[in-house]
PDB file of N, CA and C in Angstrom:
ATOM      1  N   MET A   1       0.862  -0.860  -0.121  1.00  0.00           N
ATOM      2  CA  MET A   1      -0.056  -0.125  -0.016  1.00  0.00           C
ATOM      3  C   MET A   1       0.519   1.510   0.046  1.00  0.00           C
ATOM      4  N   ALA A   2       0.859   2.958  -0.805  1.00  0.00           N
ATOM      5  CA  ALA A   2       1.092   3.300  -1.191  1.00  0.00           C
ATOM      6  C   ALA A   2       1.122   4.293   0.250  1.00  0.00           C
ATOM      7  N   SER A   3       2.000   4.988   0.422  1.00  0.00           N
ATOM      8  CA  SER A   3       2.039   5.907   1.665  1.00  0.00           C
ATOM      9  C   SER A   3       1.438   7.607   1.184  1.00  0.00           C
ATOM     10  N   ALA A   4       1.118   8.340   1.695  1.00  0.00           N
ATOM     11  CA  ALA A   4       0.190   9.441   1.644  1.00  0.00           C
ATOM     12  C   ALA A   4       1.500  10.891   1.268  1.00  0.00           C
ATOM     13  N   GLN A   5       1.185  11.056   0.550  1.00  0.00           N
ATOM     14  CA  GLN A   5       2.796  12.291   0.625  1.00  0.00           C
ATOM     15  C   GLN A   5       2.810  13.445   1.738  1.00  0.00           C
ATOM     16  N   SER A   6       3.065  13.443   2.345  1.00  0.00           N
ATOM     17  CA  SER A   6       3.664  15.173   3.335  1.00  0.00           C
ATOM     18  C   SER A   6       2.742  16.163   2.836  1.00  0.00           C
ATOM     19  N   ILE A   7       1.526  16.234   2.917  1.00  0.00           N
ATOM     20  CA  ILE A   7       2.161  18.176   2.670  1.00  0.00           C
ATOM     21  C   ILE A   7       1.759  19.284   3.087  1.00  0.00           C
ATOM     22  N   LYS A   8       2.813  20.036   2.986  1.00  0.00           N
ATOM     23  CA  LYS A   8       3.689  21.474   3.559  1.00  0.00           C
ATOM     24  C   LYS A   8       3.675  22.715   3.175  1.00  0.00           C
ATOM     25  N   LYS A   9       3.079  23.272   4.603  1.00  0.00           N
ATOM     26  CA  LYS A   9       2.904  24.927   4.261  1.00  0.00           C
ATOM     27  C   LYS A   9       4.016  25.319   3.526  1.00  0.00           C
ATOM     28  N   VAL A  10       4.809  26.116   2.059  1.00  0.00           N
ATOM     29  CA  VAL A  10       5.262  26.733   1.740  1.00  0.00           C
ATOM     30  C   VAL A  10       5.049  29.214   2.240  1.00  0.00           C
ATOM     31  N   ASP A  11       6.162  28.970   2.156  1.00  0.00           N
ATOM     32  CA  ASP A  11       5.968  30.754   3.088  1.00  0.00           C
ATOM     33  C   ASP A  11       6.470  31.320   1.469  1.00  0.00           C
ATOM     34  N   ILE A  12       6.288  31.140   0.146  1.00  0.00           N
ATOM     35  CA  ILE A  12       6.544  32.303  -0.484  1.00  0.00           C
ATOM     36  C   ILE A  12       6.921  33.602  -0.902  1.00  0.00           C
ATOM     37  N   LEU A  13       7.690  34.478  -1.644  1.00  0.00           N
ATOM     38  CA  LEU A  13       7.700  35.540  -1.717  1.00  0.00           C
ATOM     39  C   LEU A  13       7.545  36.461  -3.214  1.00  0.00           C
ATOM     40  N   ILE A  14       5.693  36.655  -3.730  1.00  0.00           N
ATOM     41  CA  ILE A  14       6.304  37.334  -5.267  1.00  0.00           C
ATOM     42  C   ILE A  14       5.768  38.647  -4.915  1.00  0.00           C
ATOM     43  N   ASN A  15       6.859  39.672  -6.058  1.00  0.00           N
ATOM     44  CA  ASN A  15       6.600  40.843  -5.354  1.00  0.00           C
ATOM     45  C   ASN A  15       5.701  41.908  -4.121  1.00  0.00           C
ATOM     46  N   GLY A  16       6.720  41.096  -3.243  1.00  0.00           N
ATOM     47  CA  GLY A  16       6.661  41.772  -2.699  1.00  0.00           C
ATOM     48  C   GLY A  16       5.891  41.058  -0.939  1.00  0.00           C
ATOM     49  N   ARG A  17       4.848  39.976  -1.139  1.00  0.00           N
ATOM     50  CA  ARG A  17       3.652  39.986  -0.536  1.00  0.00           C
ATOM     51  C   ARG A  17       3.914  38.447  -1.055  1.00  0.00           C
ATOM     52  N   SER A  18       3.969  37.632   0.490  1.00  0.00           N
ATOM     53  CA  SER A  18       4.021  36.961   1.421  1.00  0.00           C
ATOM     54  C   SER A  18       3.392  35.450   0.856  1.00  0.00           C
ATOM     55  N   TYR A  19       3.058  34.683   0.667  1.00  0.00           N
ATOM     56  CA  TYR A  19       1.287  33.471   0.419  1.00  0.00           C
ATOM     57  C   TYR A  19       2.124  32.547   0.673  1.00  0.00           C
ATOM     58  N   THR A  20       1.771  31.785   1.360  1.00  0.00           N
ATOM     59  CA  THR A  20       1.666  30.485   2.105  1.00  0.00           C
ATOM     60  C   THR A  20       0.753  29.724   0.921  1.00  0.00           C
ATOM     61  N   ILE A  21       0.855  29.077   1.248  1.00  0.00           N
ATOM     62  CA  ILE A  21       0.949  27.482  -0.459  1.00  0.00           C
ATOM     63  C   ILE A  21       1.584  26.259   0.244  1.00  0.00           C
ATOM     64  N   ASN A  22      -0.188  25.195   0.104  1.00  0.00           N
ATOM     65  CA  ASN A  22       0.258  23.895   0.999  1.00  0.00           C
ATOM     66  C   ASN A  22       0.630  23.013  -1.222  1.00  0.00           C
ATOM     67  N   CYS A  23       1.783  22.484  -0.103  1.00  0.00           N
ATOM     68  CA  CYS A  23       2.119  21.696  -1.846  1.00  0.00           C
ATOM     69  C   CYS A  23       2.864  20.655  -0.895  1.00  0.00           C
ATOM     70  N   PRO A  24       3.039  18.905  -2.129  1.00  0.00           N
ATOM     71  CA  PRO A  24       3.844  17.557  -1.469  1.00  0.00           C
ATOM     72  C   PRO A  24       4.997  18.973  -0.979  1.00  0.00           C
ATOM     73  N   GLU A  25       5.226  17.572  -0.141  1.00  0.00           N
ATOM     74  CA  GLU A  25       7.249  18.459   0.306  1.00  0.00           C
ATOM     75  C   GLU A  25       7.954  17.878  -0.907  1.00  0.00           C
ATOM     76  N   SER A  26       7.723  16.521  -1.460  1.00  0.00           N
ATOM     77  CA  SER A  26       8.604  16.898  -2.959  1.00  0.00           C
ATOM     78  C   SER A  26       8.824  17.467  -4.309  1.00  0.00           C
ATOM     79  N   GLU A  27       8.036  18.745  -3.746  1.00  0.00           N
ATOM     80  CA  GLU A  27       7.845  20.047  -4.439  1.00  0.00           C
ATOM     81  C   GLU A  27       7.698  20.745  -4.683  1.00  0.00           C
ATOM     82  N   GLU A  28       8.824  20.602  -2.787  1.00  0.00           N
ATOM     83  CA  GLU A  28       8.392  23.099  -2.750  1.00  0.00           C
ATOM     84  C   GLU A  28       9.607  22.730  -3.446  1.00  0.00           C
ATOM     85  N   PRO A  29      10.985  22.386  -3.983  1.00  0.00           N
ATOM     86  CA  PRO A  29      11.832  23.114  -4.498  1.00  0.00           C
ATOM     87  C   PRO A  29      11.473  23.403  -6.221  1.00  0.00           C
ATOM     88  N   ALA A  30      10.252  22.849  -6.440  1.00  0.00           N
ATOM     89  CA  ALA A  30      10.450  23.120  -7.721  1.00  0.00           C
ATOM     90  C   ALA A  30       9.497  23.916  -7.335  1.00  0.00           C
ATOM     91  N   LEU A  31       8.438  24.673  -6.460  1.00  0.00           N
ATOM     92  CA  LEU A  31       7.603  25.549  -6.093  1.00  0.00           C
ATOM     93  C   LEU A  31       7.992  27.143  -6.250  1.00  0.00           C
ATOM     94  N   GLN A  32       9.781  26.781  -5.132  1.00  0.00           N
ATOM     95  CA  GLN A  32      10.696  27.725  -4.709  1.00  0.00           C
ATOM     96  C   GLN A  32      10.985  28.215  -5.771  1.00  0.00           C
ATOM     97  N   ARG A  33      11.309  27.524  -7.158  1.00  0.00           N
ATOM     98  CA  ARG A  33      12.005  27.581  -8.259  1.00  0.00           C
ATOM     99  C   ARG A  33      10.999  28.146  -9.135  1.00  0.00           C
ATOM    100  N   ALA A  34       9.951  28.540  -9.639  1.00  0.00           N
ATOM    101  CA  ALA A  34       8.756  28.718  -9.004  1.00  0.00           C
ATOM    102  C   ALA A  34       8.393  30.651  -8.610  1.00  0.00           C
ATOM    103  N   ALA A  35       8.344  29.981  -7.724  1.00  0.00           N
ATOM    104  CA  ALA A  35       8.036  31.379  -6.825  1.00  0.00           C
ATOM    105  C   ALA A  35       8.740  32.860  -7.259  1.00  0.00           C
ATOM    106  N   SER A  36      10.483  31.963  -6.905  1.00  0.00           N
ATOM    107  CA  SER A  36      11.252  32.953  -7.880  1.00  0.00           C
ATOM    108  C   SER A  36      11.589  33.823  -8.882  1.00  0.00           C
ATOM    109  N   TYR A  37      11.342  32.724  -9.974  1.00  0.00           N
ATOM    110  CA  TYR A  37      11.061  32.826 -11.145  1.00  0.00           C
ATOM    111  C   TYR A  37       9.208  34.085 -12.107  1.00  0.00           C
ATOM    112  N   ILE A  38       8.869  33.760 -11.291  1.00  0.00           N
ATOM    113  CA  ILE A  38       7.866  34.581 -11.116  1.00  0.00           C
ATOM    114  C   ILE A  38       8.130  35.654 -10.704  1.00  0.00           C
ATOM    115  N   ASN A  39       8.539  35.807  -8.810  1.00  0.00           N
ATOM    116  CA  ASN A  39       9.144  37.179  -8.536  1.00  0.00           C
ATOM    117  C   ASN A  39       9.816  38.656  -9.398  1.00  0.00           C
ATOM    118  N   GLN A  40      10.522  37.309 -10.585  1.00  0.00           N
ATOM    119  CA  GLN A  40      11.723  38.326 -11.090  1.00  0.00           C
ATOM    120  C   GLN A  40      10.691  38.554 -11.951  1.00  0.00           C
ATOM    121  N   PHE A  41      10.375  37.870 -12.339  1.00  0.00           N
ATOM    122  CA  PHE A  41       9.482  37.645 -13.828  1.00  0.00           C
ATOM    123  C   PHE A  41       8.785  38.996 -13.991  1.00  0.00           C
ATOM    124  N   MET A  42       7.992  39.593 -12.461  1.00  0.00           N
ATOM    125  CA  MET A  42       7.164  40.845 -12.009  1.00  0.00           C
ATOM    126  C   MET A  42       7.813  41.746 -11.606  1.00  0.00           C
ATOM    127  N   GLN A  43       8.959  42.334 -11.166  1.00  0.00           N
ATOM    128  CA  GLN A  43       9.989  42.482 -10.540  1.00  0.00           C
ATOM    129  C   GLN A  43      10.002  43.634 -12.424  1.00  0.00           C
ATOM    130  N   GLU A  44      10.809  42.867 -12.610  1.00  0.00           N
ATOM    131  CA  GLU A  44      10.805  43.671 -14.842  1.00  0.00           C
ATOM    132  C   GLU A  44       9.783  44.138 -15.502  1.00  0.00           C
ATOM    133  N   VAL A  45       8.303  43.570 -15.078  1.00  0.00           N
ATOM    134  CA  VAL A  45       7.638  43.763 -15.425  1.00  0.00           C
ATOM    135  C   VAL A  45       7.125  45.155 -15.635  1.00  0.00           C
ATOM    136  N   ARG A  46       7.368  45.340 -13.516  1.00  0.00           N
ATOM    137  CA  ARG A  46       6.876  47.058 -12.429  1.00  0.00           C
ATOM    138  C   ARG A  46       8.366  47.797 -12.944  1.00  0.00           C
ATOM    139  N   ARG A  47       8.851  47.816 -13.342  1.00  0.00           N
ATOM    140  CA  ARG A  47      10.142  48.161 -13.641  1.00  0.00           C
ATOM    141  C   ARG A  47      10.184  48.789 -14.856  1.00  0.00           C
ATOM    142  N   GLN A  48       9.202  48.090 -16.258  1.00  0.00           N
ATOM    143  CA  GLN A  48       8.969  48.462 -17.200  1.00  0.00           C
ATOM    144  C   GLN A  48       7.552  49.609 -17.336  1.00  0.00           C
ATOM    145  N   ALA A  49       6.710  48.893 -16.168  1.00  0.00           N
ATOM    146  CA  ALA A  49       5.225  49.957 -16.450  1.00  0.00           C
ATOM    147  C   ALA A  49       5.473  49.802 -14.421  1.00  0.00           C
ATOM    148  N   PRO A  50       5.750  51.199 -14.249  1.00  0.00           N
ATOM    149  CA  PRO A  50       6.094  50.862 -12.476  1.00  0.00           C
ATOM    150  C   PRO A  50       4.471  52.069 -12.349  1.00  0.00           C
ATOM    151  N   GLN A  51       3.501  52.146 -13.497  1.00  0.00           N
ATOM    152  CA  GLN A  51       2.425  53.135 -13.548  1.00  0.00           C
ATOM    153  C   GLN A  51       1.587  51.863 -12.842  1.00  0.00           C
ATOM    154  N   LEU A  52       1.674  50.627 -12.598  1.00  0.00           N
ATOM    155  CA  LEU A  52       0.442  49.514 -12.630  1.00  0.00           C
ATOM    156  C   LEU A  52      -0.227  48.903 -12.068  1.00  0.00           C
ATOM    157  N   PRO A  53      -1.214  49.376 -11.976  1.00  0.00           N
ATOM    158  CA  PRO A  53      -2.014  48.434 -10.760  1.00  0.00           C
ATOM    159  C   PRO A  53      -1.649  46.995 -10.322  1.00  0.00           C
ATOM    160  N   GLN A  54      -1.481  46.812  -9.029  1.00  0.00           N
ATOM    161  CA  GLN A  54      -1.191  45.182  -9.143  1.00  0.00           C
ATOM    162  C   GLN A  54      -1.932  44.607  -9.306  1.00  0.00           C
ATOM    163  N   GLU A  55      -3.115  44.080  -9.919  1.00  0.00           N
ATOM    164  CA  GLU A  55      -3.684  43.924  -9.998  1.00  0.00           C
ATOM    165  C   GLU A  55      -3.727  43.603 -11.538  1.00  0.00           C
ATOM    166  N   GLN A  56      -3.298  44.371 -12.722  1.00  0.00           N
ATOM    167  CA  GLN A  56      -2.721  44.801 -14.084  1.00  0.00           C
ATOM    168  C   GLN A  56      -1.829  43.751 -13.806  1.00  0.00           C
ATOM    169  N   LEU A  57      -0.957  43.961 -12.910  1.00  0.00           N
ATOM    170  CA  LEU A  57       0.626  43.418 -13.143  1.00  0.00           C
ATOM    171  C   LEU A  57      -0.040  42.476 -13.144  1.00  0.00           C
ATOM    172  N   LEU A  58       0.070  42.011 -12.175  1.00  0.00           N
ATOM    173  CA  LEU A  58      -0.326  39.880 -11.946  1.00  0.00           C
ATOM    174  C   LEU A  58      -1.671  39.820 -13.773  1.00  0.00           C
ATOM    175  N   VAL A  59      -2.138  40.377 -14.228  1.00  0.00           N
ATOM    176  CA  VAL A  59      -2.902  40.004 -14.893  1.00  0.00           C
ATOM    177  C   VAL A  59      -1.749  39.679 -16.706  1.00  0.00           C
ATOM    178  N   LEU A  60      -1.219  40.973 -16.788  1.00  0.00           N
ATOM    179  CA  LEU A  60      -0.075  41.156 -18.026  1.00  0.00           C
ATOM    180  C   LEU A  60       0.541  39.441 -17.740  1.00  0.00           C
ATOM    181  N   CYS A  61       1.302  39.819 -16.359  1.00  0.00           N
ATOM    182  CA  CYS A  61       2.383  38.956 -16.318  1.00  0.00           C
ATOM    183  C   CYS A  61       1.655  37.586 -16.889  1.00  0.00           C
ATOM    184  N   ALA A  62       0.677  36.911 -15.943  1.00  0.00           N
ATOM    185  CA  ALA A  62       0.213  35.650 -16.298  1.00  0.00           C
ATOM    186  C   ALA A  62      -0.461  34.991 -18.156  1.00  0.00           C
ATOM    187  N   LEU A  63      -0.973  36.393 -18.603  1.00  0.00           N
ATOM    188  CA  LEU A  63      -0.396  36.699 -20.715  1.00  0.00           C
ATOM    189  C   LEU A  63       0.674  36.333 -20.936  1.00  0.00           C
ATOM    190  N   THR A  64       1.760  37.278 -20.208  1.00  0.00           N
ATOM    191  CA  THR A  64       3.123  37.095 -20.799  1.00  0.00           C
ATOM    192  C   THR A  64       3.548  35.398 -20.842  1.00  0.00           C
ATOM    193  N   LEU A  65       2.553  35.473 -19.671  1.00  0.00           N
ATOM    194  CA  LEU A  65       4.034  33.449 -19.550  1.00  0.00           C
ATOM    195  C   LEU A  65       3.466  32.204 -19.771  1.00  0.00           C
ATOM    196  N   PHE A  66       2.224  32.864 -20.016  1.00  0.00           N
ATOM    197  CA  PHE A  66       0.822  31.849 -21.186  1.00  0.00           C
ATOM    198  C   PHE A  66       1.083  32.345 -22.463  1.00  0.00           C
ATOM    199  N   GLU A  67       1.819  33.236 -23.294  1.00  0.00           N
ATOM    200  CA  GLU A  67       2.566  33.710 -24.506  1.00  0.00           C
ATOM    201  C   GLU A  67       3.474  32.247 -24.236  1.00  0.00           C
ATOM    202  N   LYS A  68       4.001  32.940 -23.813  1.00  0.00           N
ATOM    203  CA  LYS A  68       5.803  32.541 -23.407  1.00  0.00           C
ATOM    204  C   LYS A  68       5.842  30.098 -23.746  1.00  0.00           C
ATOM    205  N   SER A  69       5.610  30.084 -22.577  1.00  0.00           N
ATOM    206  CA  SER A  69       4.856  28.633 -23.171  1.00  0.00           C
ATOM    207  C   SER A  69       4.227  28.315 -23.907  1.00  0.00           C
ATOM    208  N   GLU A  70       2.875  29.400 -24.816  1.00  0.00           N
ATOM    209  CA  GLU A  70       2.737  28.437 -26.084  1.00  0.00           C
ATOM    210  C   GLU A  70       3.552  28.695 -26.707  1.00  0.00           C
ATOM    211  N   ASN A  71       4.502  29.831 -27.026  1.00  0.00           N
ATOM    212  CA  ASN A  71       5.979  29.371 -28.051  1.00  0.00           C
ATOM    213  C   ASN A  71       7.060  28.439 -27.778  1.00  0.00           C
ATOM    214  N   LEU A  72       7.505  27.448 -26.508  1.00  0.00           N
ATOM    215  CA  LEU A  72       8.331  27.099 -26.146  1.00  0.00           C
ATOM    216  C   LEU A  72       7.390  25.796 -26.476  1.00  0.00           C
ATOM    217  N   GLN A  73       6.229  25.415 -26.723  1.00  0.00           N
ATOM    218  CA  GLN A  73       5.406  24.397 -27.143  1.00  0.00           C
ATOM    219  C   GLN A  73       5.573  24.496 -28.338  1.00  0.00           C
ATOM    220  N   ARG A  74       5.189  25.473 -29.655  1.00  0.00           N
ATOM    221  CA  ARG A  74       5.213  25.269 -30.916  1.00  0.00           C
ATOM    222  C   ARG A  74       7.126  24.845 -31.355  1.00  0.00           C
ATOM    223  N   TYR A  75       7.773  25.634 -30.289  1.00  0.00           N
ATOM    224  CA  TYR A  75       9.310  25.574 -30.883  1.00  0.00           C
ATOM    225  C   TYR A  75       9.399  24.352 -30.323  1.00  0.00           C
ATOM    226  N   GLN A  76       9.281  23.255 -28.925  1.00  0.00           N
ATOM    227  CA  GLN A  76       9.416  21.939 -29.016  1.00  0.00           C
ATOM    228  C   GLN A  76       8.110  21.163 -30.580  1.00  0.00           C
ATOM    229  N   GLU A  77       7.298  21.099 -30.750  1.00  0.00           N
ATOM    230  CA  GLU A  77       6.599  20.747 -31.938  1.00  0.00           C
ATOM    231  C   GLU A  77       7.915  20.776 -33.328  1.00  0.00           C
ATOM    232  N   ASN A  78       7.913  21.934 -33.631  1.00  0.00           N
ATOM    233  CA  ASN A  78       8.363  21.852 -34.808  1.00  0.00           C
ATOM    234  C   ASN A  78       9.761  21.173 -35.658  1.00  0.00           C
ATOM    235  N   GLU A  79      10.478  21.354 -33.448  1.00  0.00           N
ATOM    236  CA  GLU A  79      11.911  20.622 -33.212  1.00  0.00           C
ATOM    237  C   GLU A  79      11.931  19.164 -33.027  1.00  0.00           C
ATOM    238  N   SER A  80      10.281  18.301 -33.134  1.00  0.00           N
ATOM    239  CA  SER A  80      10.443  17.062 -33.228  1.00  0.00           C
ATOM    240  C   SER A  80      10.612  16.855 -34.492  1.00  0.00           C
ATOM    241  N   GLN A  81       9.257  18.236 -35.454  1.00  0.00           N
ATOM    242  CA  GLN A  81       8.682  17.588 -36.567  1.00  0.00           C
ATOM    243  C   GLN A  81      10.114  17.604 -37.658  1.00  0.00           C
ATOM    244  N   ALA A  82      11.057  18.483 -37.454  1.00  0.00           N
ATOM    245  CA  ALA A  82      12.366  18.283 -38.004  1.00  0.00           C
ATOM    246  C   ALA A  82      12.644  17.340 -37.985  1.00  0.00           C
ATOM    247  N   GLN A  83      12.914  17.298 -36.651  1.00  0.00           N
ATOM    248  CA  GLN A  83      14.231  16.327 -36.693  1.00  0.00           C
ATOM    249  C   GLN A  83      13.297  14.498 -36.883  1.00  0.00           C
ATOM    250  N   ASP A  84      12.049  14.709 -37.095  1.00  0.00           N
ATOM    251  CA  ASP A  84      11.605  13.605 -38.396  1.00  0.00           C
ATOM    252  C   ASP A  84      11.707  13.317 -39.445  1.00  0.00           C
ATOM    253  N   LEU A  85      11.126  14.369 -40.092  1.00  0.00           N
ATOM    254  CA  LEU A  85      12.030  15.253 -41.247  1.00  0.00           C
ATOM    255  C   LEU A  85      13.403  14.728 -42.087  1.00  0.00           C
ATOM    256  N   VAL A  86      13.674  14.711 -40.679  1.00  0.00           N
ATOM    257  CA  VAL A  86      16.003  14.243 -41.121  1.00  0.00           C
ATOM    258  C   VAL A  86      15.537  13.042 -40.688  1.00  0.00           C
ATOM    259  N   GLY A  87      15.213  12.340 -40.072  1.00  0.00           N
ATOM    260  CA  GLY A  87      15.114  11.471 -39.945  1.00  0.00           C
ATOM    261  C   GLY A  87      14.602  10.694 -41.436  1.00  0.00           C
ATOM    262  N   LYS A  88      13.604  11.004 -41.859  1.00  0.00           N
ATOM    263  CA  LYS A  88      13.152  10.197 -43.230  1.00  0.00           C
ATOM    264  C   LYS A  88      14.182  10.641 -44.548  1.00  0.00           C
ATOM    265  N   MET A  89      14.908  12.307 -44.071  1.00  0.00           N
ATOM    266  CA  MET A  89      15.896  12.181 -45.144  1.00  0.00           C
ATOM    267  C   MET A  89      16.565  11.428 -45.645  1.00  0.00           C
ATOM    268  N   LEU A  90      17.441  11.084 -43.839  1.00  0.00           N
ATOM    269  CA  LEU A  90      18.102   9.617 -43.422  1.00  0.00           C
ATOM    270  C   LEU A  90      17.980   8.417 -44.698  1.00  0.00           C
ATOM    271  N   ALA A  91      17.279   7.426 -44.442  1.00  0.00           N
ATOM    272  CA  ALA A  91      16.610   7.211 -44.343  1.00  0.00           C
ATOM    273  C   ALA A  91      16.456   6.347 -45.921  1.00  0.00           C
ATOM    274  N   ASP A  92      15.521   8.110 -46.545  1.00  0.00           N
ATOM    275  CA  ASP A  92      16.214   7.388 -47.937  1.00  0.00           C
ATOM    276  C   ASP A  92      17.389   7.422 -48.456  1.00  0.00           C
ATOM    277  N   VAL A  93      18.005   8.388 -48.491  1.00  0.00           N
ATOM    278  CA  VAL A  93      19.322   8.650 -48.702  1.00  0.00           C
ATOM    279  C   VAL A  93      19.840   6.696 -48.550  1.00  0.00           C
ATOM    280  N   ALA A  94      19.184   6.136 -47.304  1.00  0.00           N
ATOM    281  CA  ALA A  94      20.424   5.539 -47.598  1.00  0.00           C
ATOM    282  C   ALA A  94      19.410   4.189 -48.394  1.00  0.00           C
ATOM    283  N   ARG A  95      18.586   4.060 -48.603  1.00  0.00           N
ATOM    284  CA  ARG A  95      17.858   3.599 -49.366  1.00  0.00           C
ATOM    285  C   ARG A  95      18.445   2.904 -50.285  1.00  0.00           C
ATOM    286  N   PHE A  96      18.733   4.709 -50.706  1.00  0.00           N
ATOM    287  CA  PHE A  96      19.115   4.949 -52.616  1.00  0.00           C
ATOM    288  C   PHE A  96      20.865   4.383 -52.673  1.00  0.00           C
ATOM    289  N   ALA A  97      21.384   4.134 -51.422  1.00  0.00           N
ATOM    290  CA  ALA A  97      23.186   4.772 -51.543  1.00  0.00           C
ATOM    291  C   ALA A  97      23.535   2.973 -52.425  1.00  0.00           C
TER     292      ALA A  97
END
């Protein structure tokens, strides 16, 4: 029987505000890395647009991070398609050699 993973309360800091997040203990390092990345990203956006209210800053950051995620996914799909094409080309070359 599998044991239940222990849940831990983890404090993270994003844009000067502290948040307590419940997460599985094994996921704490990933949560801390994510919080650090988001905090740095928000600070960069804040420097570029210091007049934005907190809520608009959060929306802008969320939309920008989503766009980055989609671009990465498209890149990975294109990379996979390119590798498949190269593999087919090499197979054709080997067949005619």
